[in-house]
């Protein structure tokens, strides 16, 4: 989901028109429309006002949920599914898996340095 889509979704959940939201954050209606439809990136001060109106973080507006970020960043669907399954495990098991991953990454870095 894009920033514009998230703004639109949050606006609709709040039962606000584009004009209402534009007024609340002190911008013009056409500018609000550009943010939602034309994917124009709002400046930081507008993002802050949007986040305040919706009660979300700027990070959420820009990047979406942690799950959205992961899906947009990790191309390997099998790996993504494995991470999701690990996330459901208890803290001890998650900690063990994190240590194994750290150990493997460290090993690869050492091997690269040794070459």
PDB file of N, CA and C in Angstrom:
ATOM      1  N   UNK A   1       0.845  -1.177   0.000  1.00  0.00           N
ATOM      2  CA  UNK A   1       0.000   0.000   0.000  1.00  0.00           C
ATOM      3  C   UNK A   1       0.895   1.246   0.000  1.00  0.00           C
ATOM      4  N   UNK A   2       0.510   2.225  -0.780  1.00  0.00           N
ATOM      5  CA  UNK A   2       1.291   3.451  -0.879  1.00  0.00           C
ATOM      6  C   UNK A   2       0.885   4.455   0.190  1.00  0.00           C
ATOM      7  N   UNK A   3       1.682   5.507   0.326  1.00  0.00           N
ATOM      8  CA  UNK A   3       1.366   6.582   1.262  1.00  0.00           C
ATOM      9  C   UNK A   3      -0.012   7.157   0.954  1.00  0.00           C
ATOM     10  N   UNK A   4      -0.268   7.455  -0.312  1.00  0.00           N
ATOM     11  CA  UNK A   4      -1.560   8.017  -0.703  1.00  0.00           C
ATOM     12  C   UNK A   4      -2.718   7.098  -0.350  1.00  0.00           C
ATOM     13  N   UNK A   5      -2.524   5.811  -0.561  1.00  0.00           N
ATOM     14  CA  UNK A   5      -3.568   4.841  -0.224  1.00  0.00           C
ATOM     15  C   UNK A   5      -3.797   4.774   1.277  1.00  0.00           C
ATOM     16  N   UNK A   6      -2.703   4.856   2.069  1.00  0.00           N
ATOM     17  CA  UNK A   6      -2.856   4.842   3.529  1.00  0.00           C
ATOM     18  C   UNK A   6      -3.602   6.087   4.009  1.00  0.00           C
ATOM     19  N   UNK A   7      -3.253   7.253   3.425  1.00  0.00           N
ATOM     20  CA  UNK A   7      -3.943   8.488   3.809  1.00  0.00           C
ATOM     21  C   UNK A   7      -5.431   8.356   3.489  1.00  0.00           C
ATOM     22  N   UNK A   8      -5.721   7.868   2.294  1.00  0.00           N
ATOM     23  CA  UNK A   8      -7.112   7.719   1.875  1.00  0.00           C
ATOM     24  C   UNK A   8      -7.866   6.744   2.786  1.00  0.00           C
ATOM     25  N   UNK A   9      -7.236   5.629   3.101  1.00  0.00           N
ATOM     26  CA  UNK A   9      -7.871   4.632   3.966  1.00  0.00           C
ATOM     27  C   UNK A   9      -8.153   5.217   5.357  1.00  0.00           C
ATOM     28  N   UNK A  10      -7.163   5.893   5.922  1.00  0.00           N
ATOM     29  CA  UNK A  10      -7.343   6.489   7.249  1.00  0.00           C
ATOM     30  C   UNK A  10      -8.408   7.589   7.222  1.00  0.00           C
ATOM     31  N   UNK A  11      -8.421   8.368   6.154  1.00  0.00           N
ATOM     32  CA  UNK A  11      -9.413   9.441   6.021  1.00  0.00           C
ATOM     33  C   UNK A  11     -10.819   8.865   5.977  1.00  0.00           C
ATOM     34  N   UNK A  12     -10.991   7.813   5.211  1.00  0.00           N
ATOM     35  CA  UNK A  12     -12.317   7.188   5.110  1.00  0.00           C
ATOM     36  C   UNK A  12     -12.746   6.566   6.434  1.00  0.00           C
ATOM     37  N   UNK A  13     -11.794   5.935   7.136  1.00  0.00           N
ATOM     38  CA  UNK A  13     -12.117   5.369   8.453  1.00  0.00           C
ATOM     39  C   UNK A  13     -12.548   6.456   9.425  1.00  0.00           C
ATOM     40  N   UNK A  14     -11.949   7.643   9.277  1.00  0.00           N
ATOM     41  CA  UNK A  14     -12.299   8.772  10.149  1.00  0.00           C
ATOM     42  C   UNK A  14     -13.547   9.496   9.659  1.00  0.00           C
ATOM     43  N   UNK A  15     -14.113   9.002   8.543  1.00  0.00           N
ATOM     44  CA  UNK A  15     -15.323   9.595   7.958  1.00  0.00           C
ATOM     45  C   UNK A  15     -15.134  11.072   7.623  1.00  0.00           C
ATOM     46  N   UNK A  16     -13.990  11.357   7.000  1.00  0.00           N
ATOM     47  CA  UNK A  16     -13.673  12.716   6.582  1.00  0.00           C
ATOM     48  C   UNK A  16     -13.615  12.769   5.054  1.00  0.00           C
ATOM     49  N   UNK A  17     -14.105  13.855   4.493  1.00  0.00           N
ATOM     50  CA  UNK A  17     -13.921  14.080   3.061  1.00  0.00           C
ATOM     51  C   UNK A  17     -12.510  14.623   2.856  1.00  0.00           C
ATOM     52  N   UNK A  18     -12.061  14.659   1.613  1.00  0.00           N
ATOM     53  CA  UNK A  18     -10.751  15.252   1.339  1.00  0.00           C
ATOM     54  C   UNK A  18     -10.740  16.710   1.777  1.00  0.00           C
ATOM     55  N   UNK A  19     -11.845  17.406   1.533  1.00  0.00           N
ATOM     56  CA  UNK A  19     -11.939  18.813   1.930  1.00  0.00           C
ATOM     57  C   UNK A  19     -11.869  18.994   3.435  1.00  0.00           C
ATOM     58  N   UNK A  20     -12.564  18.120   4.169  1.00  0.00           N
ATOM     59  CA  UNK A  20     -12.536  18.185   5.637  1.00  0.00           C
ATOM     60  C   UNK A  20     -11.122  17.967   6.160  1.00  0.00           C
ATOM     61  N   UNK A  21     -10.458  16.958   5.618  1.00  0.00           N
ATOM     62  CA  UNK A  21      -9.100  16.661   6.061  1.00  0.00           C
ATOM     63  C   UNK A  21      -8.159  17.804   5.695  1.00  0.00           C
ATOM     64  N   UNK A  22      -8.314  18.340   4.493  1.00  0.00           N
ATOM     65  CA  UNK A  22      -7.473  19.463   4.068  1.00  0.00           C
ATOM     66  C   UNK A  22      -7.623  20.628   5.044  1.00  0.00           C
ATOM     67  N   UNK A  23      -8.857  20.916   5.447  1.00  0.00           N
ATOM     68  CA  UNK A  23      -9.093  22.006   6.397  1.00  0.00           C
ATOM     69  C   UNK A  23      -8.438  21.728   7.742  1.00  0.00           C
ATOM     70  N   UNK A  24      -8.551  20.479   8.207  1.00  0.00           N
ATOM     71  CA  UNK A  24      -7.983  20.115   9.510  1.00  0.00           C
ATOM     72  C   UNK A  24      -6.469  20.285   9.547  1.00  0.00           C
ATOM     73  N   UNK A  25      -5.814  20.040   8.416  1.00  0.00           N
ATOM     74  CA  UNK A  25      -4.346  20.125   8.411  1.00  0.00           C
ATOM     75  C   UNK A  25      -3.846  21.386   7.711  1.00  0.00           C
ATOM     76  N   UNK A  26      -4.769  22.268   7.409  1.00  0.00           N
ATOM     77  CA  UNK A  26      -4.444  23.597   6.881  1.00  0.00           C
ATOM     78  C   UNK A  26      -3.707  23.565   5.537  1.00  0.00           C
ATOM     79  N   UNK A  27      -4.270  22.788   4.607  1.00  0.00           N
ATOM     80  CA  UNK A  27      -3.781  22.794   3.226  1.00  0.00           C
ATOM     81  C   UNK A  27      -4.986  22.917   2.309  1.00  0.00           C
ATOM     82  N   UNK A  28      -4.754  23.108   1.015  1.00  0.00           N
ATOM     83  CA  UNK A  28      -5.858  23.239   0.069  1.00  0.00           C
ATOM     84  C   UNK A  28      -6.408  21.859  -0.312  1.00  0.00           C
ATOM     85  N   UNK A  29      -7.667  21.854  -0.747  1.00  0.00           N
ATOM     86  CA  UNK A  29      -8.292  20.618  -1.210  1.00  0.00           C
ATOM     87  C   UNK A  29      -7.514  20.012  -2.386  1.00  0.00           C
ATOM     88  N   UNK A  30      -7.145  20.824  -3.407  1.00  0.00           N
ATOM     89  CA  UNK A  30      -6.385  20.223  -4.520  1.00  0.00           C
ATOM     90  C   UNK A  30      -5.073  19.572  -4.069  1.00  0.00           C
ATOM     91  N   UNK A  31      -4.406  20.198  -3.083  1.00  0.00           N
ATOM     92  CA  UNK A  31      -3.154  19.607  -2.593  1.00  0.00           C
ATOM     93  C   UNK A  31      -3.429  18.277  -1.900  1.00  0.00           C
ATOM     94  N   UNK A  32      -4.510  18.216  -1.112  1.00  0.00           N
ATOM     95  CA  UNK A  32      -4.877  16.966  -0.438  1.00  0.00           C
ATOM     96  C   UNK A  32      -5.125  15.881  -1.474  1.00  0.00           C
ATOM     97  N   UNK A  33      -5.821  16.242  -2.532  1.00  0.00           N
ATOM     98  CA  UNK A  33      -6.105  15.296  -3.603  1.00  0.00           C
ATOM     99  C   UNK A  33      -4.810  14.789  -4.244  1.00  0.00           C
ATOM    100  N   UNK A  34      -3.846  15.662  -4.442  1.00  0.00           N
ATOM    101  CA  UNK A  34      -2.557  15.247  -5.025  1.00  0.00           C
ATOM    102  C   UNK A  34      -1.840  14.241  -4.129  1.00  0.00           C
ATOM    103  N   UNK A  35      -1.919  14.446  -2.824  1.00  0.00           N
ATOM    104  CA  UNK A  35      -1.262  13.505  -1.904  1.00  0.00           C
ATOM    105  C   UNK A  35      -1.889  12.113  -2.015  1.00  0.00           C
ATOM    106  N   UNK A  36      -3.202  12.058  -2.114  1.00  0.00           N
ATOM    107  CA  UNK A  36      -3.886  10.769  -2.166  1.00  0.00           C
ATOM    108  C   UNK A  36      -3.821  10.113  -3.532  1.00  0.00           C
ATOM    109  N   UNK A  37      -4.081  10.866  -4.571  1.00  0.00           N
ATOM    110  CA  UNK A  37      -4.279  10.279  -5.893  1.00  0.00           C
ATOM    111  C   UNK A  37      -3.029  10.297  -6.754  1.00  0.00           C
ATOM    112  N   UNK A  38      -2.298  11.382  -6.722  1.00  0.00           N
ATOM    113  CA  UNK A  38      -1.144  11.505  -7.609  1.00  0.00           C
ATOM    114  C   UNK A  38       0.164  11.103  -6.941  1.00  0.00           C
ATOM    115  N   UNK A  39       0.055  10.622  -5.703  1.00  0.00           N
ATOM    116  CA  UNK A  39       1.233  10.132  -4.976  1.00  0.00           C
ATOM    117  C   UNK A  39       2.313  11.195  -4.805  1.00  0.00           C
ATOM    118  N   UNK A  40       1.891  12.437  -4.624  1.00  0.00           N
ATOM    119  CA  UNK A  40       2.833  13.509  -4.306  1.00  0.00           C
ATOM    120  C   UNK A  40       3.225  13.357  -2.847  1.00  0.00           C
ATOM    121  N   UNK A  41       4.506  13.445  -2.545  1.00  0.00           N
ATOM    122  CA  UNK A  41       5.009  13.290  -1.172  1.00  0.00           C
ATOM    123  C   UNK A  41       4.790  14.575  -0.382  1.00  0.00           C
ATOM    124  N   UNK A  42       4.023  14.520   0.702  1.00  0.00           N
ATOM    125  CA  UNK A  42       3.841  15.719   1.525  1.00  0.00           C
ATOM    126  C   UNK A  42       5.135  16.083   2.260  1.00  0.00           C
ATOM    127  N   UNK A  43       5.334  17.367   2.537  1.00  0.00           N
ATOM    128  CA  UNK A  43       6.495  17.755   3.344  1.00  0.00           C
ATOM    129  C   UNK A  43       6.334  17.255   4.781  1.00  0.00           C
ATOM    130  N   UNK A  44       7.418  17.290   5.522  1.00  0.00           N
ATOM    131  CA  UNK A  44       7.440  16.746   6.885  1.00  0.00           C
ATOM    132  C   UNK A  44       6.381  17.368   7.789  1.00  0.00           C
ATOM    133  N   UNK A  45       6.178  18.697   7.689  1.00  0.00           N
ATOM    134  CA  UNK A  45       5.197  19.327   8.573  1.00  0.00           C
ATOM    135  C   UNK A  45       3.777  18.850   8.282  1.00  0.00           C
ATOM    136  N   UNK A  46       3.471  18.579   7.013  1.00  0.00           N
ATOM    137  CA  UNK A  46       2.143  18.067   6.655  1.00  0.00           C
ATOM    138  C   UNK A  46       1.999  16.621   7.114  1.00  0.00           C
ATOM    139  N   UNK A  47       3.066  15.828   6.963  1.00  0.00           N
ATOM    140  CA  UNK A  47       3.026  14.454   7.472  1.00  0.00           C
ATOM    141  C   UNK A  47       2.750  14.439   8.968  1.00  0.00           C
ATOM    142  N   UNK A  48       3.377  15.345   9.690  1.00  0.00           N
ATOM    143  CA  UNK A  48       3.168  15.424  11.144  1.00  0.00           C
ATOM    144  C   UNK A  48       1.712  15.743  11.456  1.00  0.00           C
ATOM    145  N   UNK A  49       1.144  16.714  10.736  1.00  0.00           N
ATOM    146  CA  UNK A  49      -0.261  17.078  10.988  1.00  0.00           C
ATOM    147  C   UNK A  49      -1.199  15.924  10.626  1.00  0.00           C
ATOM    148  N   UNK A  50      -0.912  15.230   9.528  1.00  0.00           N
ATOM    149  CA  UNK A  50      -1.720  14.062   9.158  1.00  0.00           C
ATOM    150  C   UNK A  50      -1.642  12.980  10.237  1.00  0.00           C
ATOM    151  N   UNK A  51      -0.429  12.688  10.670  1.00  0.00           N
ATOM    152  CA  UNK A  51      -0.237  11.668  11.708  1.00  0.00           C
ATOM    153  C   UNK A  51      -0.997  12.041  12.977  1.00  0.00           C
ATOM    154  N   UNK A  52      -0.961  13.325  13.347  1.00  0.00           N
ATOM    155  CA  UNK A  52      -1.678  13.779  14.543  1.00  0.00           C
ATOM    156  C   UNK A  52      -3.190  13.612  14.392  1.00  0.00           C
ATOM    157  N   UNK A  53      -3.722  13.965  13.233  1.00  0.00           N
ATOM    158  CA  UNK A  53      -5.167  13.848  12.997  1.00  0.00           C
ATOM    159  C   UNK A  53      -5.609  12.391  13.099  1.00  0.00           C
ATOM    160  N   UNK A  54      -4.807  11.486  12.532  1.00  0.00           N
ATOM    161  CA  UNK A  54      -5.192  10.076  12.511  1.00  0.00           C
ATOM    162  C   UNK A  54      -4.739   9.293  13.733  1.00  0.00           C
ATOM    163  N   UNK A  55      -3.880   9.884  14.558  1.00  0.00           N
ATOM    164  CA  UNK A  55      -3.385   9.174  15.734  1.00  0.00           C
ATOM    165  C   UNK A  55      -2.446   8.040  15.381  1.00  0.00           C
ATOM    166  N   UNK A  56      -1.632   8.248  14.343  1.00  0.00           N
ATOM    167  CA  UNK A  56      -0.642   7.246  13.938  1.00  0.00           C
ATOM    168  C   UNK A  56       0.721   7.920  13.883  1.00  0.00           C
ATOM    169  N   UNK A  57       1.750   7.134  13.669  1.00  0.00           N
ATOM    170  CA  UNK A  57       3.094   7.701  13.547  1.00  0.00           C
ATOM    171  C   UNK A  57       3.354   8.118  12.105  1.00  0.00           C
ATOM    172  N   UNK A  58       4.305   9.007  11.924  1.00  0.00           N
ATOM    173  CA  UNK A  58       4.729   9.384  10.576  1.00  0.00           C
ATOM    174  C   UNK A  58       5.295   8.153   9.874  1.00  0.00           C
ATOM    175  N   UNK A  59       6.023   7.334  10.616  1.00  0.00           N
ATOM    176  CA  UNK A  59       6.585   6.108  10.047  1.00  0.00           C
ATOM    177  C   UNK A  59       5.484   5.225   9.468  1.00  0.00           C
ATOM    178  N   UNK A  60       4.369   5.109  10.193  1.00  0.00           N
ATOM    179  CA  UNK A  60       3.263   4.304   9.677  1.00  0.00           C
ATOM    180  C   UNK A  60       2.717   4.910   8.386  1.00  0.00           C
ATOM    181  N   UNK A  61       2.536   6.223   8.354  1.00  0.00           N
ATOM    182  CA  UNK A  61       2.026   6.859   7.138  1.00  0.00           C
ATOM    183  C   UNK A  61       2.939   6.583   5.943  1.00  0.00           C
ATOM    184  N   UNK A  62       4.225   6.741   6.148  1.00  0.00           N
ATOM    185  CA  UNK A  62       5.177   6.618   5.054  1.00  0.00           C
ATOM    186  C   UNK A  62       5.444   5.159   4.681  1.00  0.00           C
ATOM    187  N   UNK A  63       5.629   4.310   5.678  1.00  0.00           N
ATOM    188  CA  UNK A  63       6.053   2.928   5.427  1.00  0.00           C
ATOM    189  C   UNK A  63       4.997   1.870   5.666  1.00  0.00           C
ATOM    190  N   UNK A  64       3.926   2.218   6.333  1.00  0.00           N
ATOM    191  CA  UNK A  64       2.923   1.217   6.669  1.00  0.00           C
ATOM    192  C   UNK A  64       3.314   0.463   7.916  1.00  0.00           C
ATOM    193  N   UNK A  65       2.669  -0.646   8.139  1.00  0.00           N
ATOM    194  CA  UNK A  65       2.955  -1.458   9.312  1.00  0.00           C
ATOM    195  C   UNK A  65       4.277  -2.185   9.131  1.00  0.00           C
ATOM    196  N   UNK A  66       4.750  -2.758  10.190  1.00  0.00           N
ATOM    197  CA  UNK A  66       5.973  -3.548  10.134  1.00  0.00           C
ATOM    198  C   UNK A  66       5.825  -4.670   9.106  1.00  0.00           C
ATOM    199  N   UNK A  67       4.644  -5.262   9.064  1.00  0.00           N
ATOM    200  CA  UNK A  67       4.376  -6.321   8.101  1.00  0.00           C
ATOM    201  C   UNK A  67       4.453  -5.784   6.669  1.00  0.00           C
ATOM    202  N   UNK A  68       3.886  -4.585   6.444  1.00  0.00           N
ATOM    203  CA  UNK A  68       3.963  -3.961   5.115  1.00  0.00           C
ATOM    204  C   UNK A  68       5.414  -3.724   4.724  1.00  0.00           C
ATOM    205  N   UNK A  69       6.200  -3.217   5.680  1.00  0.00           N
ATOM    206  CA  UNK A  69       7.621  -2.957   5.409  1.00  0.00           C
ATOM    207  C   UNK A  69       8.331  -4.243   5.013  1.00  0.00           C
ATOM    208  N   UNK A  70       8.087  -5.298   5.780  1.00  0.00           N
ATOM    209  CA  UNK A  70       8.755  -6.570   5.507  1.00  0.00           C
ATOM    210  C   UNK A  70       8.372  -7.086   4.123  1.00  0.00           C
ATOM    211  N   UNK A  71       7.093  -7.036   3.804  1.00  0.00           N
ATOM    212  CA  UNK A  71       6.644  -7.545   2.515  1.00  0.00           C
ATOM    213  C   UNK A  71       7.201  -6.713   1.361  1.00  0.00           C
ATOM    214  N   UNK A  72       7.401  -5.425   1.585  1.00  0.00           N
ATOM    215  CA  UNK A  72       7.940  -4.568   0.536  1.00  0.00           C
ATOM    216  C   UNK A  72       9.456  -4.673   0.420  1.00  0.00           C
ATOM    217  N   UNK A  73      10.122  -5.218   1.437  1.00  0.00           N
ATOM    218  CA  UNK A  73      11.572  -5.256   1.434  1.00  0.00           C
ATOM    219  C   UNK A  73      12.138  -6.645   1.168  1.00  0.00           C
ATOM    220  N   UNK A  74      11.471  -7.671   1.643  1.00  0.00           N
ATOM    221  CA  UNK A  74      11.979  -9.040   1.499  1.00  0.00           C
ATOM    222  C   UNK A  74      11.324  -9.687   0.285  1.00  0.00           C
ATOM    223  N   UNK A  75      12.159 -10.029  -0.699  1.00  0.00           N
ATOM    224  CA  UNK A  75      11.657 -10.618  -1.942  1.00  0.00           C
ATOM    225  C   UNK A  75      11.419 -12.118  -1.826  1.00  0.00           C
ATOM    226  N   UNK A  76      12.114 -12.764  -0.928  1.00  0.00           N
ATOM    227  CA  UNK A  76      12.013 -14.209  -0.763  1.00  0.00           C
ATOM    228  C   UNK A  76      10.790 -14.529   0.102  1.00  0.00           C
ATOM    229  N   UNK A  77       9.715 -14.990  -0.538  1.00  0.00           N
ATOM    230  CA  UNK A  77       8.465 -15.249   0.189  1.00  0.00           C
ATOM    231  C   UNK A  77       8.612 -16.349   1.235  1.00  0.00           C
ATOM    232  N   UNK A  78       9.429 -17.345   0.938  1.00  0.00           N
ATOM    233  CA  UNK A  78       9.645 -18.423   1.909  1.00  0.00           C
ATOM    234  C   UNK A  78      10.336 -17.880   3.159  1.00  0.00           C
ATOM    235  N   UNK A  79      11.335 -17.038   2.968  1.00  0.00           N
ATOM    236  CA  UNK A  79      12.037 -16.426   4.094  1.00  0.00           C
ATOM    237  C   UNK A  79      11.099 -15.530   4.896  1.00  0.00           C
ATOM    238  N   UNK A  80      10.290 -14.751   4.207  1.00  0.00           N
ATOM    239  CA  UNK A  80       9.318 -13.887   4.879  1.00  0.00           C
ATOM    240  C   UNK A  80       8.361 -14.714   5.730  1.00  0.00           C
ATOM    241  N   UNK A  81       7.877 -15.823   5.190  1.00  0.00           N
ATOM    242  CA  UNK A  81       6.975 -16.693   5.942  1.00  0.00           C
ATOM    243  C   UNK A  81       7.679 -17.288   7.164  1.00  0.00           C
ATOM    244  N   UNK A  82       8.946 -17.645   7.004  1.00  0.00           N
ATOM    245  CA  UNK A  82       9.699 -18.178   8.139  1.00  0.00           C
ATOM    246  C   UNK A  82       9.839 -17.127   9.239  1.00  0.00           C
ATOM    247  N   UNK A  83      10.134 -15.897   8.845  1.00  0.00           N
ATOM    248  CA  UNK A  83      10.234 -14.823   9.843  1.00  0.00           C
ATOM    249  C   UNK A  83       8.905 -14.622  10.567  1.00  0.00           C
ATOM    250  N   UNK A  84       7.814 -14.710   9.839  1.00  0.00           N
ATOM    251  CA  UNK A  84       6.485 -14.561  10.463  1.00  0.00           C
ATOM    252  C   UNK A  84       6.231 -15.677  11.469  1.00  0.00           C
ATOM    253  N   UNK A  85       6.663 -16.890  11.123  1.00  0.00           N
ATOM    254  CA  UNK A  85       6.481 -18.016  12.040  1.00  0.00           C
ATOM    255  C   UNK A  85       7.358 -17.867  13.284  1.00  0.00           C
ATOM    256  N   UNK A  86       8.580 -17.391  13.099  1.00  0.00           N
ATOM    257  CA  UNK A  86       9.479 -17.163  14.229  1.00  0.00           C
ATOM    258  C   UNK A  86       8.877 -16.112  15.162  1.00  0.00           C
ATOM    259  N   UNK A  87       8.259 -15.086  14.573  1.00  0.00           N
ATOM    260  CA  UNK A  87       7.664 -14.010  15.376  1.00  0.00           C
ATOM    261  C   UNK A  87       6.580 -14.528  16.326  1.00  0.00           C
ATOM    262  N   UNK A  88       5.948 -15.629  15.962  1.00  0.00           N
ATOM    263  CA  UNK A  88       4.884 -16.203  16.786  1.00  0.00           C
ATOM    264  C   UNK A  88       5.419 -17.073  17.932  1.00  0.00           C
ATOM    265  N   UNK A  89       6.698 -17.369  17.892  1.00  0.00           N
ATOM    266  CA  UNK A  89       7.302 -18.231  18.920  1.00  0.00           C
ATOM    267  C   UNK A  89       7.485 -17.465  20.237  1.00  0.00           C
ATOM    268  N   UNK A  90       7.751 -18.223  21.301  1.00  0.00           N
ATOM    269  CA  UNK A  90       7.991 -17.575  22.587  1.00  0.00           C
ATOM    270  C   UNK A  90       9.350 -16.862  22.555  1.00  0.00           C
ATOM    271  N   UNK A  91       9.560 -15.993  23.525  1.00  0.00           N
ATOM    272  CA  UNK A  91      10.754 -15.134  23.548  1.00  0.00           C
ATOM    273  C   UNK A  91      12.050 -15.932  23.568  1.00  0.00           C
ATOM    274  N   UNK A  92      12.101 -17.025  24.301  1.00  0.00           N
ATOM    275  CA  UNK A  92      13.321 -17.840  24.372  1.00  0.00           C
ATOM    276  C   UNK A  92      13.674 -18.420  23.000  1.00  0.00           C
ATOM    277  N   UNK A  93      12.676 -18.972  22.312  1.00  0.00           N
ATOM    278  CA  UNK A  93      12.928 -19.541  20.989  1.00  0.00           C
ATOM    279  C   UNK A  93      13.341 -18.451  19.995  1.00  0.00           C
ATOM    280  N   UNK A  94      12.668 -17.299  20.033  1.00  0.00           N
ATOM    281  CA  UNK A  94      13.040 -16.185  19.144  1.00  0.00           C
ATOM    282  C   UNK A  94      14.472 -15.747  19.413  1.00  0.00           C
ATOM    283  N   UNK A  95      14.834 -15.664  20.687  1.00  0.00           N
ATOM    284  CA  UNK A  95      16.183 -15.255  21.058  1.00  0.00           C
ATOM    285  C   UNK A  95      17.219 -16.241  20.521  1.00  0.00           C
ATOM    286  N   UNK A  96      16.933 -17.521  20.623  1.00  0.00           N
ATOM    287  CA  UNK A  96      17.841 -18.547  20.111  1.00  0.00           C
ATOM    288  C   UNK A  96      18.014 -18.410  18.602  1.00  0.00           C
ATOM    289  N   UNK A  97      16.921 -18.206  17.893  1.00  0.00           N
ATOM    290  CA  UNK A  97      16.995 -18.065  16.438  1.00  0.00           C
ATOM    291  C   UNK A  97      17.763 -16.801  16.060  1.00  0.00           C
ATOM    292  N   UNK A  98      17.562 -15.720  16.786  1.00  0.00           N
ATOM    293  CA  UNK A  98      18.301 -14.477  16.519  1.00  0.00           C
ATOM    294  C   UNK A  98      19.801 -14.699  16.722  1.00  0.00           C
ATOM    295  N   UNK A  99      20.160 -15.446  17.774  1.00  0.00           N
ATOM    296  CA  UNK A  99      21.574 -15.731  18.030  1.00  0.00           C
ATOM    297  C   UNK A  99      22.178 -16.580  16.915  1.00  0.00           C
ATOM    298  N   UNK A 100      21.407 -17.548  16.414  1.00  0.00           N
ATOM    299  CA  UNK A 100      21.888 -18.377  15.306  1.00  0.00           C
ATOM    300  C   UNK A 100      22.102 -17.536  14.048  1.00  0.00           C
ATOM    301  N   UNK A 101      21.176 -16.656  13.763  1.00  0.00           N
ATOM    302  CA  UNK A 101      21.308 -15.786  12.592  1.00  0.00           C
ATOM    303  C   UNK A 101      22.514 -14.866  12.763  1.00  0.00           C
ATOM    304  N   UNK A 102      22.657 -14.264  13.947  1.00  0.00           N
ATOM    305  CA  UNK A 102      23.820 -13.400  14.214  1.00  0.00           C
ATOM    306  C   UNK A 102      25.130 -14.161  14.033  1.00  0.00           C
ATOM    307  N   UNK A 103      25.173 -15.395  14.536  1.00  0.00           N
ATOM    308  CA  UNK A 103      26.391 -16.203  14.418  1.00  0.00           C
ATOM    309  C   UNK A 103      26.702 -16.486  12.952  1.00  0.00           C
ATOM    310  N   UNK A 104      25.702 -16.793  12.175  1.00  0.00           N
ATOM    311  CA  UNK A 104      25.919 -17.081  10.763  1.00  0.00           C
ATOM    312  C   UNK A 104      26.385 -15.825  10.019  1.00  0.00           C
ATOM    313  N   UNK A 105      25.787 -14.693  10.304  1.00  0.00           N
ATOM    314  CA  UNK A 105      26.185 -13.424   9.673  1.00  0.00           C
ATOM    315  C   UNK A 105      27.621 -13.085  10.039  1.00  0.00           C
ATOM    316  N   UNK A 106      27.958 -13.242  11.308  1.00  0.00           N
ATOM    317  CA  UNK A 106      29.333 -12.973  11.763  1.00  0.00           C
ATOM    318  C   UNK A 106      30.311 -13.893  11.053  1.00  0.00           C
ATOM    319  N   UNK A 107      29.980 -15.173  10.927  1.00  0.00           N
ATOM    320  CA  UNK A 107      30.837 -16.133  10.242  1.00  0.00           C
ATOM    321  C   UNK A 107      31.077 -15.689   8.803  1.00  0.00           C
ATOM    322  N   UNK A 108      30.020 -15.271   8.111  1.00  0.00           N
ATOM    323  CA  UNK A 108      30.155 -14.829   6.718  1.00  0.00           C
ATOM    324  C   UNK A 108      31.021 -13.576   6.607  1.00  0.00           C
ATOM    325  N   UNK A 109      30.895 -12.661   7.548  1.00  0.00           N
ATOM    326  CA  UNK A 109      31.708 -11.450   7.537  1.00  0.00           C
ATOM    327  C   UNK A 109      33.180 -11.784   7.755  1.00  0.00           C
ATOM    328  N   UNK A 110      33.444 -12.692   8.674  1.00  0.00           N
ATOM    329  CA  UNK A 110      34.833 -13.109   8.944  1.00  0.00           C
ATOM    330  C   UNK A 110      35.413 -13.790   7.709  1.00  0.00           C
ATOM    331  N   UNK A 111      34.633 -14.659   7.082  1.00  0.00           N
ATOM    332  CA  UNK A 111      35.096 -15.336   5.876  1.00  0.00           C
ATOM    333  C   UNK A 111      35.416 -14.329   4.779  1.00  0.00           C
ATOM    334  N   UNK A 112      34.581 -13.330   4.631  1.00  0.00           N
ATOM    335  CA  UNK A 112      34.799 -12.302   3.611  1.00  0.00           C
ATOM    336  C   UNK A 112      36.079 -11.515   3.893  1.00  0.00           C
ATOM    337  N   UNK A 113      36.307 -11.185   5.162  1.00  0.00           N
ATOM    338  CA  UNK A 113      37.522 -10.468   5.539  1.00  0.00           C
ATOM    339  C   UNK A 113      38.773 -11.298   5.303  1.00  0.00           C
ATOM    340  N   UNK A 114      38.648 -12.615   5.477  1.00  0.00           N
ATOM    341  CA  UNK A 114      39.790 -13.517   5.337  1.00  0.00           C
ATOM    342  C   UNK A 114      40.196 -13.732   3.882  1.00  0.00           C
ATOM    343  N   UNK A 115      39.333 -13.394   2.979  1.00  0.00           N
ATOM    344  CA  UNK A 115      39.641 -13.625   1.553  1.00  0.00           C
ATOM    345  C   UNK A 115      40.633 -12.654   1.010  1.00  0.00           C
TER     346      UNK A 115
END
